[in-house]
Amino acid sequence: MNNVAKAIVLGVKETGRHLNYNPILIIELLVYAEDSGAFKTSVELTVPRVSIPKMGDKWLVKYNSAKKDEIEIL
């Protein structure tokens, strides 16, 4: 994963699972890749209750241009 791009949170879904009392969420993203245009993907993350992402939040991500479902949040 060597490509860095901006992403916008499109949605947040609860999985119903927790890790150390923190929810495990599925975050839907719209990634603005310079090499291939925008694409949608999702990532499963454990996040603290006090910093649950909201629709419209902007993140930096790393992604694999060959397998765009491989995303790392920076």
C-alpha atoms as a PDB file:
ATOM      1  CA  MET A   1       0.000   0.000   0.000  1.00  0.00           C
ATOM      2  CA  ASN A   2       1.829   3.022  -1.212  1.00  0.00           C
ATOM      3  CA  ASN A   3      -0.912   5.339  -2.487  1.00  0.00           C
ATOM      4  CA  VAL A   4      -2.184   8.075  -0.178  1.00  0.00           C
ATOM      5  CA  ALA A   5      -5.546   9.736  -0.786  1.00  0.00           C
ATOM      6  CA  LYS A   6      -8.238  11.795   0.886  1.00  0.00           C
ATOM      7  CA  ALA A   7     -11.456  10.033   1.886  1.00  0.00           C
ATOM      8  CA  ILE A   8     -14.872  11.118   3.135  1.00  0.00           C
ATOM      9  CA  VAL A   9     -16.961   9.049   5.534  1.00  0.00           C
ATOM     10  CA  LEU A  10     -20.236   8.133   3.809  1.00  0.00           C
ATOM     11  CA  GLY A  11     -21.712   6.120   6.637  1.00  0.00           C
ATOM     12  CA  VAL A  12     -21.123   4.215   9.856  1.00  0.00           C
ATOM     13  CA  LYS A  13     -22.675   0.850  10.726  1.00  0.00           C
ATOM     14  CA  GLU A  14     -22.501  -0.993  14.021  1.00  0.00           C
ATOM     15  CA  THR A  15     -21.437  -4.638  13.958  1.00  0.00           C
ATOM     16  CA  GLY A  16     -22.784  -5.317  17.452  1.00  0.00           C
ATOM     17  CA  ARG A  17     -19.316  -6.414  18.576  1.00  0.00           C
ATOM     18  CA  HIS A  18     -17.009  -4.658  21.044  1.00  0.00           C
ATOM     19  CA  LEU A  19     -13.333  -4.796  21.982  1.00  0.00           C
ATOM     20  CA  ASN A  20     -12.471  -3.503  25.462  1.00  0.00           C
ATOM     21  CA  TYR A  21     -15.885  -1.771  25.565  1.00  0.00           C
ATOM     22  CA  ASN A  22     -15.142   0.066  22.305  1.00  0.00           C
ATOM     23  CA  PRO A  23     -17.481  -0.594  19.362  1.00  0.00           C
ATOM     24  CA  ILE A  24     -16.293  -2.336  16.218  1.00  0.00           C
ATOM     25  CA  LEU A  25     -17.785  -0.406  13.303  1.00  0.00           C
ATOM     26  CA  ILE A  26     -17.968  -0.693   9.536  1.00  0.00           C
ATOM     27  CA  ILE A  27     -17.007   2.661   8.032  1.00  0.00           C
ATOM     28  CA  GLU A  28     -18.099   3.328   4.450  1.00  0.00           C
ATOM     29  CA  LEU A  29     -15.690   5.615   2.595  1.00  0.00           C
ATOM     30  CA  LEU A  30     -15.469   7.503  -0.673  1.00  0.00           C
ATOM     31  CA  VAL A  31     -11.766   7.613  -1.563  1.00  0.00           C
ATOM     32  CA  TYR A  32     -10.490  10.261  -3.983  1.00  0.00           C
ATOM     33  CA  ALA A  33      -7.601   8.473  -5.689  1.00  0.00           C
ATOM     34  CA  GLU A  34      -5.417  10.537  -8.012  1.00  0.00           C
ATOM     35  CA  ASP A  35      -4.478   7.566 -10.192  1.00  0.00           C
ATOM     36  CA  SER A  36      -7.964   6.178 -10.896  1.00  0.00           C
ATOM     37  CA  GLY A  37     -10.619   8.611  -9.704  1.00  0.00           C
ATOM     38  CA  ALA A  38     -12.986   8.175  -6.781  1.00  0.00           C
ATOM     39  CA  PHE A  39     -14.123   4.785  -5.485  1.00  0.00           C
ATOM     40  CA  LYS A  40     -16.255   3.495  -2.612  1.00  0.00           C
ATOM     41  CA  THR A  41     -14.990   1.004  -0.066  1.00  0.00           C
ATOM     42  CA  SER A  42     -15.473   0.089   3.569  1.00  0.00           C
ATOM     43  CA  VAL A  43     -13.230  -0.759   6.490  1.00  0.00           C
ATOM     44  CA  GLU A  44     -13.919  -2.431   9.835  1.00  0.00           C
ATOM     45  CA  LEU A  45     -12.456  -0.486  12.767  1.00  0.00           C
ATOM     46  CA  THR A  46     -12.486  -0.521  16.533  1.00  0.00           C
ATOM     47  CA  VAL A  47     -12.938   3.062  17.703  1.00  0.00           C
ATOM     48  CA  PRO A  48     -13.207   4.691  21.133  1.00  0.00           C
ATOM     49  CA  ARG A  49     -16.766   5.654  22.054  1.00  0.00           C
ATOM     50  CA  VAL A  50     -15.750   9.307  22.331  1.00  0.00           C
ATOM     51  CA  SER A  51     -14.452   9.489  18.749  1.00  0.00           C
ATOM     52  CA  ILE A  52     -16.997   7.616  16.646  1.00  0.00           C
ATOM     53  CA  PRO A  53     -16.749   9.020  13.110  1.00  0.00           C
ATOM     54  CA  LYS A  54     -19.628  10.913  11.528  1.00  0.00           C
ATOM     55  CA  MET A  55     -20.830  11.168   7.958  1.00  0.00           C
ATOM     56  CA  GLY A  56     -18.804  13.859   6.199  1.00  0.00           C
ATOM     57  CA  ASP A  57     -15.635  13.412   8.267  1.00  0.00           C
ATOM     58  CA  LYS A  58     -12.471  13.661   6.167  1.00  0.00           C
ATOM     59  CA  TRP A  59      -9.619  11.171   6.575  1.00  0.00           C
ATOM     60  CA  LEU A  60      -6.301  10.385   4.935  1.00  0.00           C
ATOM     61  CA  VAL A  61      -5.964   6.778   3.818  1.00  0.00           C
ATOM     62  CA  LYS A  62      -3.436   4.497   2.179  1.00  0.00           C
ATOM     63  CA  TYR A  63      -4.751   2.051  -0.393  1.00  0.00           C
ATOM     64  CA  ASN A  64      -3.546  -0.683  -2.709  1.00  0.00           C
ATOM     65  CA  SER A  65      -4.227   0.385  -6.306  1.00  0.00           C
ATOM     66  CA  ALA A  66      -4.485  -3.271  -7.392  1.00  0.00           C
ATOM     67  CA  LYS A  67      -6.909  -4.241  -4.586  1.00  0.00           C
ATOM     68  CA  LYS A  68      -8.853  -1.158  -3.585  1.00  0.00           C
ATOM     69  CA  ASP A  69     -10.546  -2.915  -0.672  1.00  0.00           C
ATOM     70  CA  GLU A  70      -7.159  -2.908   1.114  1.00  0.00           C
ATOM     71  CA  ILE A  71      -7.334   0.363   3.052  1.00  0.00           C
ATOM     72  CA  GLU A  72      -5.272   1.717   5.932  1.00  0.00           C
ATOM     73  CA  ILE A  73      -6.423   4.762   7.901  1.00  0.00           C
ATOM     74  CA  LEU A  74      -3.641   7.282   8.576  1.00  0.00           C
END
